[in-house]
Amino acid sequence: MAEEGQKSKSVISSAEAASGAESGNTLLPMLIAGLILIVIGAIAVMVFV
């Protein structure tokens, strides 16, 4: 139990804090890179087939 002289710490549970991402870092660049890699892979499959 917390004593009266100590302050209790609050738990922050936002999506940004839970992911460990910084404020300027989102998943958008990763999603764009994944889409580009999928397109390149599809083109490579079409070339060989």
N, C-alpha and C. Protein backbone atom coordinates (compact mmCIF):
# COMPACT_ATOMS: atom_id res chain seq x y z
N MET A 1 0.84 -1.20 0.00
CA MET A 1 0.00 0.00 0.00
C MET A 1 0.88 1.25 0.00
N ALA A 2 0.38 2.29 -0.62
CA ALA A 2 1.12 3.54 -0.67
C ALA A 2 0.95 4.30 0.64
N GLU A 3 2.08 4.79 1.16
CA GLU A 3 2.00 5.56 2.39
C GLU A 3 1.50 6.96 2.07
N GLU A 4 1.09 7.70 3.10
CA GLU A 4 0.50 9.01 2.86
C GLU A 4 1.51 10.01 2.36
N GLY A 5 2.80 9.87 2.67
CA GLY A 5 3.80 10.82 2.24
C GLY A 5 4.27 10.61 0.81
N GLN A 6 3.92 9.47 0.22
CA GLN A 6 4.38 9.16 -1.13
C GLN A 6 3.27 9.42 -2.14
N LYS A 7 3.67 9.87 -3.32
CA LYS A 7 2.70 10.05 -4.41
C LYS A 7 2.61 8.75 -5.20
N SER A 8 1.40 8.36 -5.56
CA SER A 8 1.25 7.14 -6.36
C SER A 8 1.46 7.48 -7.83
N LYS A 9 2.05 6.56 -8.55
CA LYS A 9 2.31 6.77 -9.98
C LYS A 9 1.12 6.29 -10.78
N SER A 10 0.72 7.10 -11.75
CA SER A 10 -0.41 6.70 -12.60
C SER A 10 0.11 5.90 -13.79
N VAL A 11 -0.69 5.00 -14.25
CA VAL A 11 -0.34 4.16 -15.40
C VAL A 11 -0.91 4.82 -16.65
N ILE A 12 -0.02 5.08 -17.61
CA ILE A 12 -0.46 5.68 -18.88
C ILE A 12 -0.62 4.56 -19.88
N SER A 13 -1.82 4.41 -20.41
CA SER A 13 -2.05 3.33 -21.36
C SER A 13 -2.67 3.89 -22.63
N SER A 14 -1.88 4.61 -23.39
CA SER A 14 -2.32 5.05 -24.71
C SER A 14 -1.69 4.14 -25.76
N ALA A 15 -2.21 4.18 -26.95
CA ALA A 15 -1.68 3.32 -28.01
C ALA A 15 -0.23 3.69 -28.33
N GLU A 16 0.07 4.98 -28.26
CA GLU A 16 1.43 5.43 -28.57
C GLU A 16 2.41 4.96 -27.51
N ALA A 17 2.02 5.05 -26.23
CA ALA A 17 2.90 4.62 -25.16
C ALA A 17 3.05 3.10 -25.15
N ALA A 18 1.99 2.39 -25.47
CA ALA A 18 2.04 0.93 -25.45
C ALA A 18 2.93 0.38 -26.56
N SER A 19 2.97 1.06 -27.70
CA SER A 19 3.78 0.58 -28.81
C SER A 19 5.25 0.93 -28.64
N GLY A 20 5.55 1.86 -27.77
CA GLY A 20 6.93 2.28 -27.58
C GLY A 20 7.42 3.22 -28.66
N ALA A 21 6.53 3.71 -29.49
CA ALA A 21 6.92 4.60 -30.58
C ALA A 21 7.10 6.02 -30.07
N GLU A 22 7.98 6.75 -30.72
CA GLU A 22 8.15 8.15 -30.38
C GLU A 22 7.03 8.95 -31.02
N SER A 23 6.92 10.21 -30.65
CA SER A 23 5.79 11.01 -31.11
C SER A 23 5.78 11.20 -32.64
N GLY A 24 6.95 11.28 -33.26
CA GLY A 24 6.99 11.49 -34.70
C GLY A 24 7.05 10.20 -35.51
N ASN A 25 7.15 9.08 -34.84
CA ASN A 25 7.35 7.80 -35.53
C ASN A 25 6.03 7.03 -35.55
N THR A 26 5.52 6.79 -36.74
CA THR A 26 4.28 6.02 -36.87
C THR A 26 4.54 4.81 -37.74
N LEU A 27 3.53 4.01 -37.93
CA LEU A 27 3.67 2.81 -38.76
C LEU A 27 3.52 3.11 -40.24
N LEU A 28 3.17 4.33 -40.60
CA LEU A 28 2.93 4.65 -42.01
C LEU A 28 4.14 4.37 -42.90
N PRO A 29 5.36 4.78 -42.55
CA PRO A 29 6.50 4.43 -43.42
C PRO A 29 6.69 2.93 -43.58
N MET A 30 6.45 2.18 -42.52
CA MET A 30 6.59 0.71 -42.61
C MET A 30 5.52 0.13 -43.53
N LEU A 31 4.31 0.66 -43.47
CA LEU A 31 3.25 0.17 -44.35
C LEU A 31 3.54 0.49 -45.81
N ILE A 32 4.06 1.68 -46.07
CA ILE A 32 4.40 2.06 -47.45
C ILE A 32 5.52 1.18 -47.97
N ALA A 33 6.55 0.94 -47.13
CA ALA A 33 7.66 0.08 -47.57
C ALA A 33 7.17 -1.33 -47.84
N GLY A 34 6.26 -1.85 -47.02
CA GLY A 34 5.72 -3.18 -47.25
C GLY A 34 4.95 -3.26 -48.55
N LEU A 35 4.16 -2.22 -48.83
CA LEU A 35 3.41 -2.20 -50.08
C LEU A 35 4.33 -2.17 -51.29
N ILE A 36 5.40 -1.39 -51.19
CA ILE A 36 6.37 -1.33 -52.30
C ILE A 36 7.04 -2.69 -52.50
N LEU A 37 7.39 -3.36 -51.39
CA LEU A 37 8.01 -4.68 -51.52
C LEU A 37 7.04 -5.71 -52.11
N ILE A 38 5.76 -5.61 -51.77
CA ILE A 38 4.77 -6.52 -52.35
C ILE A 38 4.66 -6.29 -53.85
N VAL A 39 4.65 -5.03 -54.27
CA VAL A 39 4.56 -4.71 -55.71
C VAL A 39 5.80 -5.23 -56.44
N ILE A 40 6.98 -5.03 -55.87
CA ILE A 40 8.21 -5.52 -56.50
C ILE A 40 8.19 -7.05 -56.59
N GLY A 41 7.72 -7.71 -55.53
CA GLY A 41 7.62 -9.17 -55.56
C GLY A 41 6.63 -9.65 -56.60
N ALA A 42 5.50 -8.95 -56.74
CA ALA A 42 4.51 -9.35 -57.75
C ALA A 42 5.08 -9.18 -59.16
N ILE A 43 5.82 -8.11 -59.38
CA ILE A 43 6.44 -7.90 -60.70
C ILE A 43 7.46 -9.00 -60.98
N ALA A 44 8.23 -9.37 -59.97
CA ALA A 44 9.23 -10.44 -60.16
C ALA A 44 8.56 -11.76 -60.47
N VAL A 45 7.44 -12.05 -59.83
CA VAL A 45 6.70 -13.30 -60.12
C VAL A 45 6.15 -13.25 -61.53
N MET A 46 5.64 -12.12 -61.96
CA MET A 46 5.09 -12.01 -63.33
C MET A 46 6.17 -12.15 -64.39
N VAL A 47 7.40 -11.71 -64.09
CA VAL A 47 8.48 -11.82 -65.07
C VAL A 47 8.85 -13.29 -65.28
N PHE A 48 8.87 -14.08 -64.20
CA PHE A 48 9.28 -15.48 -64.31
C PHE A 48 8.16 -16.42 -64.73
N VAL A 49 6.94 -15.97 -64.72
CA VAL A 49 5.82 -16.87 -65.07
C VAL A 49 5.34 -16.56 -66.47
